[in-house]
Amino acid sequence: MAATRATTRERAGRAVLRLSPFAVPRTRAEWASDCTLFGIAVLVWFELGFTSAPEYTGVPDWFWPVDRVLGVVSCLLLWWTRRFPRAAAILGAVPGALAVSATFAALVVVHRVGRLARPSSSVTITAATVAAALPYHAFFPLPGMPWLVWLIMIPLLYALVLSLGLLARSRAQVVEGLRAAAVLEHDRYEERLTQTRREERERIAREMHDVLAHRVSLLSVHAGALEYRTRPEVPPERSPTAAEVHDAAVVIRDSAHRAIEDLRDLLLVLREEETGTPSAATQRPQPRLDDIHALVAEATGAGESVEVRVDVPAGEVRDTTQRTVYRSLQEGLTNARKHAPGAEVSVAVESSDGTVRLEVSNPIPVGVTSAEIPGTGRGLVGLAERVRLEGGHLDAGVHDGRFCLVVELPAGGP
């Protein structure tokens, strides 16, 4: 029995909560608006239902208590207009049609239904309210109010209040749409920013890969030469001197040190997304056409024979194209050093008709069956992708006994 009573009370509590006008969350501005309108409605109810009642001679004395009760109901309905706007407007049509003291509250209810309900519902309910209010003047004529004026004033008054509600609804929808568009644009901006950062990190990682491959190939060349000349079967007169061994060890150490630094920069770039801190690699100056001679000097210092010809004004080529030309040459020299050690490498960089053309070629050595550093072709694959992103074209293959790497890129602007 006690459990049954507890269940009944629980159901009653849930029903009250479902019908409570305060279950709808309100902002401070909405609380202030509701309290202000309710206070004005109560003041108007008191003014028309008590203070000004003697002036309405057409309303009999026996009807004023009914008028005041209906006015109170209309004032209380204001609290339900946010949660049940259509139901409140339908119920408020009766006080609005029969009670003078409910005039202001009834108009506020119509405004709220226009603002919070669908336009079709709000227009239908308002039309029904007007139809119910028009006969009032025939039963309880207001002093100094001609019948024609009443027929015109009531529809216009309700239409004005409904229009203001519909206007407020449209404005709220526009503002909400602008907010949603702003949020969507912000999300898209963040997505584009993340994608841009990811692409930039991938670009830098590819460049670090190119630099690292170049360093390791130099290291392999020097180490291989030192290993070859220090074999036990090499005659003493052909063995390297202590100074030559020292110089080779310095070059190997320097190349290894630079390779470790490049590898560290590569890892920092790949971890930049997790840390959110820009790495030093992203702030390094990017290579240009003017740096090609230094790259060639580094290759010749490793024993590579390189003939270079550059006929491109750097100021007429955009920075990204200069960087791509530099990386393409770096990859070509690395491949020649790996797969054709000792072969003479020809390098030509020239421009014509808005196109920069790089050609790196070397003869295929006879009897070479393996590279000192095994290659997988990934360097050329990555280079081809880099060239494609710049709007260029790459061709690599054997022509007339020579391996040729040809890269053509749009020069663009500086």
Protein backbone atom coordinates (compact mmCIF):
# COMPACT_ATOMS: atom_id res chain seq x y z
CA MET A 1 0.00 0.00 0.00
CA ALA A 2 2.78 2.40 0.93
CA ALA A 3 4.61 1.49 -2.26
CA THR A 4 1.48 2.25 -4.27
CA ARG A 5 1.12 5.68 -2.64
CA ALA A 6 4.82 6.41 -3.30
CA THR A 7 4.39 5.44 -6.95
CA THR A 8 1.32 7.65 -7.23
CA ARG A 9 3.16 10.60 -5.71
CA GLU A 10 6.09 10.00 -8.05
CA ARG A 11 3.81 9.99 -11.08
CA ALA A 12 2.07 13.13 -9.86
CA GLY A 13 5.45 14.80 -9.39
CA ARG A 14 6.50 13.89 -12.93
CA ALA A 15 3.21 15.21 -14.31
CA VAL A 16 3.63 18.50 -12.46
CA LEU A 17 7.21 18.76 -13.75
CA ARG A 18 6.04 18.16 -17.31
CA LEU A 19 3.46 20.94 -16.98
CA SER A 20 5.60 23.37 -15.01
CA PRO A 21 6.29 26.65 -16.86
CA PHE A 22 9.67 26.92 -15.14
CA ALA A 23 11.04 23.66 -16.59
CA VAL A 24 12.17 25.62 -19.65
CA PRO A 25 15.68 27.05 -19.11
CA ARG A 26 15.76 30.83 -19.34
CA THR A 27 18.59 33.28 -19.67
CA ARG A 28 18.82 36.30 -17.42
CA ALA A 29 17.44 38.49 -20.18
CA GLU A 30 14.48 36.13 -20.67
CA TRP A 31 13.78 36.08 -16.93
CA ALA A 32 13.85 39.88 -16.87
CA SER A 33 11.54 40.06 -19.91
CA ASP A 34 9.01 37.58 -18.49
CA CYS A 35 8.93 39.25 -15.09
CA THR A 36 8.54 42.71 -16.62
CA LEU A 37 5.71 41.67 -18.94
CA PHE A 38 3.95 39.80 -16.13
CA GLY A 39 4.24 42.84 -13.87
CA ILE A 40 2.83 45.15 -16.57
CA ALA A 41 0.01 42.68 -17.28
CA VAL A 42 -0.93 42.61 -13.58
CA LEU A 43 -0.90 46.43 -13.39
CA VAL A 44 -3.10 46.68 -16.51
CA TRP A 45 -5.40 44.00 -15.08
CA PHE A 46 -5.80 46.00 -11.86
CA GLU A 47 -6.26 49.28 -13.73
CA LEU A 48 -8.91 48.00 -16.13
CA GLY A 49 -10.57 45.56 -13.74
CA PHE A 50 -10.82 47.83 -10.69
CA THR A 51 -9.74 51.45 -11.13
CA SER A 52 -11.34 52.09 -14.54
CA ALA A 53 -14.23 49.63 -14.17
CA PRO A 54 -16.90 52.33 -13.49
CA GLU A 55 -16.11 53.92 -16.87
CA TYR A 56 -17.23 50.79 -18.75
CA THR A 57 -20.95 51.35 -18.35
CA GLY A 58 -21.83 48.70 -20.92
CA VAL A 59 -20.41 45.93 -18.72
CA PRO A 60 -22.92 44.82 -16.06
CA ASP A 61 -21.77 44.61 -12.46
CA TRP A 62 -22.42 40.90 -12.21
CA PHE A 63 -19.88 40.23 -15.00
CA TRP A 64 -16.91 42.05 -13.47
CA PRO A 65 -15.92 39.19 -11.14
CA VAL A 66 -15.83 36.89 -14.19
CA ASP A 67 -13.83 39.51 -16.08
CA ARG A 68 -11.27 39.78 -13.28
CA VAL A 69 -10.88 36.00 -12.95
CA LEU A 70 -10.35 35.67 -16.69
CA GLY A 71 -7.81 38.51 -16.49
CA VAL A 72 -5.87 36.67 -13.79
CA VAL A 73 -5.90 33.50 -15.94
CA SER A 74 -4.61 35.47 -18.91
CA CYS A 75 -1.79 36.97 -16.82
CA LEU A 76 -0.76 33.55 -15.50
CA LEU A 77 -0.73 32.10 -19.01
CA LEU A 78 2.20 34.38 -19.81
CA TRP A 79 4.51 32.02 -17.88
CA TRP A 80 3.52 29.08 -20.11
CA THR A 81 4.04 30.85 -23.44
CA ARG A 82 7.70 29.81 -23.70
CA ARG A 83 7.02 26.12 -23.11
CA PHE A 84 3.56 25.72 -24.66
CA PRO A 85 3.05 28.76 -26.92
CA ARG A 86 0.19 27.30 -29.00
CA ALA A 87 -1.68 25.84 -26.02
CA ALA A 88 -1.31 29.10 -24.11
CA ALA A 89 -2.60 31.08 -27.10
CA ILE A 90 -5.60 28.77 -27.55
CA LEU A 91 -6.51 28.98 -23.86
CA GLY A 92 -5.86 32.73 -23.83
CA ALA A 93 -8.35 33.29 -26.65
CA VAL A 94 -11.23 32.95 -24.16
CA PRO A 95 -10.01 35.65 -21.69
CA GLY A 96 -8.95 37.84 -24.62
CA ALA A 97 -12.47 37.65 -26.11
CA LEU A 98 -14.48 38.12 -22.87
CA ALA A 99 -12.38 40.14 -20.39
CA VAL A 100 -11.39 43.80 -20.61
CA SER A 101 -8.82 43.32 -17.86
CA ALA A 102 -7.07 40.63 -19.97
CA THR A 103 -6.38 42.99 -22.89
CA PHE A 104 -2.62 43.45 -22.42
CA ALA A 105 -1.93 39.83 -21.41
CA ALA A 106 -3.90 38.54 -24.42
CA LEU A 107 -1.87 40.71 -26.79
CA VAL A 108 1.41 39.49 -25.24
CA VAL A 109 0.28 35.88 -25.69
CA VAL A 110 -0.43 36.52 -29.38
CA HIS A 111 2.99 38.13 -29.76
CA ARG A 112 4.64 35.13 -28.10
CA VAL A 113 2.84 32.58 -30.26
CA GLY A 114 3.94 34.49 -33.35
CA ARG A 115 7.51 34.47 -32.12
CA LEU A 116 7.76 30.88 -30.84
CA ALA A 117 5.27 28.83 -32.90
CA ARG A 118 5.15 28.01 -36.58
CA PRO A 119 3.68 30.85 -38.69
CA SER A 120 0.80 28.72 -39.93
CA SER A 121 -0.24 27.85 -36.37
CA SER A 122 0.19 31.38 -35.04
CA VAL A 123 -1.83 32.95 -37.87
CA THR A 124 -4.65 30.41 -37.45
CA ILE A 125 -4.83 30.86 -33.67
CA THR A 126 -4.74 34.66 -33.97
CA ALA A 127 -7.53 34.64 -36.56
CA ALA A 128 -9.65 32.48 -34.24
CA THR A 129 -8.93 34.86 -31.34
CA VAL A 130 -9.99 37.87 -33.41
CA ALA A 131 -13.17 36.10 -34.52
CA ALA A 132 -13.99 35.31 -30.89
CA ALA A 133 -13.28 38.90 -29.73
CA LEU A 134 -15.34 40.79 -32.33
CA PRO A 135 -18.81 39.92 -30.90
CA TYR A 136 -17.83 41.32 -27.45
CA HIS A 137 -18.80 44.88 -28.46
CA ALA A 138 -22.28 43.70 -29.43
CA PHE A 139 -22.98 42.34 -25.93
CA PHE A 140 -20.96 44.80 -23.84
CA PRO A 141 -20.52 47.98 -25.91
CA LEU A 142 -17.61 50.15 -24.88
CA PRO A 143 -18.39 53.82 -24.30
CA GLY A 144 -17.47 56.11 -27.21
CA MET A 145 -16.55 53.18 -29.46
CA PRO A 146 -18.56 52.94 -32.71
CA TRP A 147 -19.18 49.45 -34.01
CA LEU A 148 -17.30 50.08 -37.27
CA VAL A 149 -14.24 51.33 -35.42
CA TRP A 150 -14.31 48.22 -33.26
CA LEU A 151 -14.49 45.95 -36.32
CA ILE A 152 -11.44 47.68 -37.80
CA MET A 153 -9.38 48.28 -34.66
CA ILE A 154 -9.41 44.76 -33.17
CA PRO A 155 -8.14 42.93 -36.30
CA LEU A 156 -5.52 45.59 -36.94
CA LEU A 157 -4.34 45.52 -33.32
CA TYR A 158 -3.95 41.75 -33.25
CA ALA A 159 -2.39 41.74 -36.74
CA LEU A 160 0.19 44.33 -35.58
CA VAL A 161 1.10 42.33 -32.48
CA LEU A 162 1.30 39.08 -34.50
CA SER A 163 3.47 40.78 -37.13
CA LEU A 164 5.89 41.94 -34.45
CA GLY A 165 6.06 38.38 -33.14
CA LEU A 166 6.70 36.96 -36.61
CA LEU A 167 9.34 39.62 -37.20
CA ALA A 168 11.07 38.68 -33.94
CA ARG A 169 10.91 35.00 -34.98
CA SER A 170 12.46 35.76 -38.37
CA ARG A 171 15.18 37.84 -36.78
CA ALA A 172 15.98 35.06 -34.29
CA GLN A 173 16.16 32.53 -37.13
CA VAL A 174 18.49 34.79 -39.10
CA VAL A 175 20.73 35.30 -36.09
CA GLU A 176 20.74 31.57 -35.38
CA GLY A 177 21.57 30.88 -39.02
CA LEU A 178 24.43 33.37 -38.91
CA ARG A 179 25.74 31.78 -35.74
CA ALA A 180 25.53 28.30 -37.27
CA ALA A 181 27.28 29.58 -40.39
CA ALA A 182 29.97 31.21 -38.25
CA VAL A 183 30.49 27.98 -36.31
CA LEU A 184 30.64 25.98 -39.54
CA GLU A 185 33.08 28.45 -41.07
CA HIS A 186 35.20 28.31 -37.92
CA ASP A 187 35.25 24.51 -38.08
CA ARG A 188 36.16 24.63 -41.75
CA TYR A 189 38.87 27.18 -41.01
CA GLU A 190 40.32 24.97 -38.30
CA GLU A 191 40.16 22.00 -40.68
CA ARG A 192 41.90 23.99 -43.43
CA LEU A 193 44.48 25.24 -40.95
CA THR A 194 45.15 21.71 -39.71
CA GLN A 195 45.41 20.45 -43.29
CA THR A 196 47.79 23.27 -44.19
CA ARG A 197 49.97 22.53 -41.20
CA ARG A 198 49.98 18.83 -42.04
CA GLU A 199 50.96 19.53 -45.65
CA GLU A 200 53.70 21.88 -44.50
CA ARG A 201 55.07 19.28 -42.11
CA GLU A 202 54.97 16.64 -44.84
CA ARG A 203 56.78 18.98 -47.20
CA ILE A 204 59.49 19.69 -44.65
CA ALA A 205 59.73 16.00 -43.82
CA ARG A 206 60.27 15.20 -47.51
CA GLU A 207 62.99 17.82 -47.70
CA MET A 208 64.62 16.44 -44.57
CA HIS A 209 64.50 13.00 -46.22
CA ASP A 210 66.27 14.38 -49.30
CA VAL A 211 68.91 16.10 -47.20
CA LEU A 212 69.41 13.03 -45.04
CA ALA A 213 69.80 10.76 -48.07
CA HIS A 214 72.35 13.18 -49.48
CA ARG A 215 74.34 13.22 -46.23
CA VAL A 216 74.30 9.44 -45.86
CA SER A 217 75.44 8.96 -49.45
CA LEU A 218 78.40 11.29 -48.85
CA LEU A 219 79.20 9.41 -45.69
CA SER A 220 79.07 6.12 -47.59
CA VAL A 221 81.38 7.39 -50.33
CA HIS A 222 84.08 8.55 -47.92
CA ALA A 223 83.81 5.47 -45.75
CA GLY A 224 83.93 3.20 -48.81
CA ALA A 225 86.99 4.95 -50.20
CA LEU A 226 88.77 4.71 -46.85
CA GLU A 227 87.83 1.05 -46.53
CA TYR A 228 89.09 0.28 -50.03
CA ARG A 229 92.48 1.95 -49.56
CA THR A 230 93.14 0.36 -46.17
CA ARG A 231 92.65 -3.26 -47.27
CA PRO A 232 95.43 -5.64 -46.20
CA GLU A 233 96.30 -6.55 -49.80
CA VAL A 234 96.91 -2.91 -50.80
CA PRO A 235 100.67 -2.22 -51.23
CA PRO A 236 102.18 0.13 -48.63
CA GLU A 237 103.02 2.75 -51.25
CA ARG A 238 99.31 2.98 -52.20
CA SER A 239 98.06 3.02 -48.62
CA PRO A 240 96.68 6.37 -47.38
CA THR A 241 98.92 8.52 -45.25
CA ALA A 242 98.02 9.47 -41.71
CA ALA A 243 96.97 12.92 -42.90
CA GLU A 244 94.67 11.45 -45.54
CA VAL A 245 93.12 9.11 -42.98
CA HIS A 246 92.66 12.05 -40.64
CA ASP A 247 91.01 14.17 -43.35
CA ALA A 248 88.70 11.31 -44.32
CA ALA A 249 87.76 10.74 -40.65
CA VAL A 250 86.97 14.46 -40.25
CA VAL A 251 84.69 14.38 -43.32
CA ILE A 252 82.99 11.21 -42.10
CA ARG A 253 82.47 12.64 -38.64
CA ASP A 254 81.14 15.92 -40.03
CA SER A 255 78.76 14.12 -42.40
CA ALA A 256 77.54 11.84 -39.60
CA HIS A 257 77.02 14.80 -37.30
CA ARG A 258 75.00 16.65 -39.93
CA ALA A 259 72.98 13.54 -40.70
CA ILE A 260 72.10 13.17 -37.01
CA GLU A 261 71.04 16.83 -36.88
CA ASP A 262 68.87 16.39 -39.96
CA LEU A 263 67.29 13.27 -38.46
CA ARG A 264 66.58 15.15 -35.23
CA ASP A 265 64.95 17.97 -37.19
CA LEU A 266 62.85 15.42 -39.07
CA LEU A 267 61.57 13.92 -35.81
CA LEU A 268 60.82 17.39 -34.42
CA VAL A 269 58.78 18.23 -37.50
CA LEU A 270 56.77 15.02 -37.22
CA ARG A 271 56.13 15.68 -33.51
CA GLU A 272 55.18 19.31 -34.03
CA GLU A 273 51.45 18.48 -34.11
CA GLU A 274 51.65 16.88 -30.65
CA THR A 275 53.72 19.61 -29.01
CA GLY A 276 52.18 22.60 -30.80
CA THR A 277 55.61 24.29 -30.84
CA PRO A 278 57.20 25.19 -34.20
CA SER A 279 60.46 23.31 -34.70
CA ALA A 280 63.72 24.85 -35.81
CA ALA A 281 63.45 22.99 -39.11
CA THR A 282 60.35 24.98 -40.08
CA GLN A 283 62.31 28.21 -39.62
CA ARG A 284 65.35 27.28 -41.69
CA PRO A 285 66.01 29.32 -44.85
CA GLN A 286 64.99 27.31 -47.90
CA PRO A 287 67.54 26.50 -50.66
CA ARG A 288 67.58 28.59 -53.82
CA LEU A 289 69.24 28.46 -57.23
CA ASP A 290 72.19 30.40 -55.82
CA ASP A 291 72.92 27.42 -53.54
CA ILE A 292 73.38 24.99 -56.43
CA HIS A 293 77.11 25.71 -56.74
CA ALA A 294 77.61 24.95 -53.03
CA LEU A 295 75.74 21.66 -53.50
CA VAL A 296 77.95 20.78 -56.48
CA ALA A 297 81.08 21.73 -54.52
CA GLU A 298 80.02 19.40 -51.72
CA ALA A 299 79.55 16.58 -54.25
CA THR A 300 82.93 17.16 -55.90
CA GLY A 301 84.53 17.25 -52.47
CA ALA A 302 83.29 13.69 -52.04
CA GLY A 303 85.09 12.65 -55.21
CA GLU A 304 82.18 13.02 -57.60
CA SER A 305 82.92 14.52 -61.04
CA VAL A 306 80.26 17.10 -61.84
CA GLU A 307 79.98 19.49 -64.78
CA VAL A 308 77.37 22.15 -64.08
CA ARG A 309 75.82 24.90 -66.16
CA VAL A 310 73.23 27.27 -64.70
CA ASP A 311 71.57 29.77 -67.01
CA VAL A 312 68.56 30.92 -65.00
CA PRO A 313 68.25 34.33 -63.30
CA ALA A 314 67.11 33.52 -59.76
CA GLY A 315 65.03 36.68 -59.56
CA GLU A 316 62.72 35.47 -62.34
CA VAL A 317 61.79 32.20 -60.63
CA ARG A 318 59.48 31.85 -57.67
CA ASP A 319 60.88 30.53 -54.41
CA THR A 320 59.03 27.20 -54.41
CA THR A 321 60.29 26.42 -57.93
CA GLN A 322 63.87 27.25 -56.92
CA ARG A 323 63.57 24.93 -53.94
CA THR A 324 62.17 22.13 -56.11
CA VAL A 325 64.99 22.54 -58.66
CA TYR A 326 67.55 22.38 -55.85
CA ARG A 327 65.99 19.25 -54.32
CA SER A 328 65.72 17.61 -57.74
CA LEU A 329 69.42 18.23 -58.39
CA GLN A 330 70.25 16.94 -54.91
CA GLU A 331 68.32 13.74 -55.61
CA GLY A 332 70.00 13.37 -59.01
CA LEU A 333 73.50 13.75 -57.55
CA THR A 334 72.66 11.30 -54.77
CA ASN A 335 71.40 8.70 -57.26
CA ALA A 336 74.49 9.14 -59.45
CA ARG A 337 76.77 8.76 -56.44
CA LYS A 338 74.93 5.64 -55.30
CA HIS A 339 74.39 3.86 -58.59
CA ALA A 340 77.20 5.16 -60.81
CA PRO A 341 80.20 5.91 -58.56
CA GLY A 342 83.02 7.59 -60.40
CA ALA A 343 80.91 8.49 -63.44
CA GLU A 344 80.95 12.06 -64.71
CA VAL A 345 77.67 13.83 -64.02
CA SER A 346 76.38 16.58 -66.31
CA VAL A 347 74.03 19.17 -64.84
CA ALA A 348 72.18 21.81 -66.88
CA VAL A 349 69.68 24.32 -65.50
CA GLU A 350 68.10 26.66 -68.01
CA SER A 351 64.88 28.54 -68.63
CA SER A 352 62.83 29.30 -71.70
CA ASP A 353 59.24 30.38 -72.38
CA GLY A 354 58.37 30.58 -68.68
CA THR A 355 59.69 27.07 -67.94
CA VAL A 356 62.68 26.03 -65.86
CA ARG A 357 64.35 22.85 -67.07
CA LEU A 358 66.80 20.73 -65.06
CA GLU A 359 68.68 17.86 -66.61
CA VAL A 360 71.00 15.57 -64.64
CA SER A 361 72.65 12.79 -66.63
CA ASN A 362 75.46 10.31 -66.16
CA PRO A 363 76.72 7.30 -68.14
CA ILE A 364 75.72 3.89 -66.89
CA PRO A 365 78.94 2.24 -65.68
CA VAL A 366 79.80 -1.15 -67.12
CA GLY A 367 79.89 -4.00 -64.66
CA VAL A 368 78.13 -2.22 -61.81
CA THR A 369 75.64 -4.67 -60.38
CA SER A 370 74.86 -3.18 -56.97
CA ALA A 371 74.83 0.14 -55.20
CA GLU A 372 76.80 0.95 -52.13
CA ILE A 373 73.53 1.98 -50.48
CA PRO A 374 70.62 -0.12 -51.72
CA GLY A 375 67.98 2.09 -53.34
CA THR A 376 64.25 1.40 -53.49
CA GLY A 377 63.22 4.15 -55.89
CA ARG A 378 61.29 6.00 -53.21
CA GLY A 379 63.44 9.07 -53.70
CA LEU A 380 62.29 9.45 -57.31
CA VAL A 381 58.70 8.68 -56.33
CA GLY A 382 58.74 11.43 -53.73
CA LEU A 383 60.47 13.77 -56.16
CA ALA A 384 57.84 13.08 -58.82
CA GLU A 385 55.11 13.96 -56.31
CA ARG A 386 56.91 17.16 -55.36
CA VAL A 387 57.25 18.17 -59.02
CA ARG A 388 53.60 17.32 -59.72
CA LEU A 389 52.44 19.57 -56.87
CA GLU A 390 54.42 22.41 -58.42
CA GLY A 391 52.63 21.87 -61.73
CA GLY A 392 55.69 20.40 -63.44
CA HIS A 393 56.76 17.20 -65.14
CA LEU A 394 59.49 14.65 -64.31
CA ASP A 395 61.06 12.10 -66.60
CA ALA A 396 63.70 9.60 -65.44
CA GLY A 397 65.16 6.79 -67.48
CA VAL A 398 67.99 5.47 -69.64
CA HIS A 399 68.57 7.18 -73.00
CA ASP A 400 71.50 6.30 -75.27
CA GLY A 401 73.46 4.64 -72.49
CA ARG A 402 72.98 7.47 -70.03
CA PHE A 403 70.65 7.78 -67.11
CA CYS A 404 68.80 11.09 -67.44
CA LEU A 405 66.68 12.90 -64.90
CA VAL A 406 64.70 15.72 -66.51
CA VAL A 407 62.50 18.08 -64.51
CA GLU A 408 60.43 20.85 -66.09
CA LEU A 409 58.71 23.40 -63.87
CA PRO A 410 56.75 26.61 -64.46
CA ALA A 411 58.98 29.55 -63.57
CA GLY A 412 56.20 31.66 -62.10
CA GLY A 413 57.17 34.89 -60.36
CA PRO A 414 59.79 35.78 -57.78
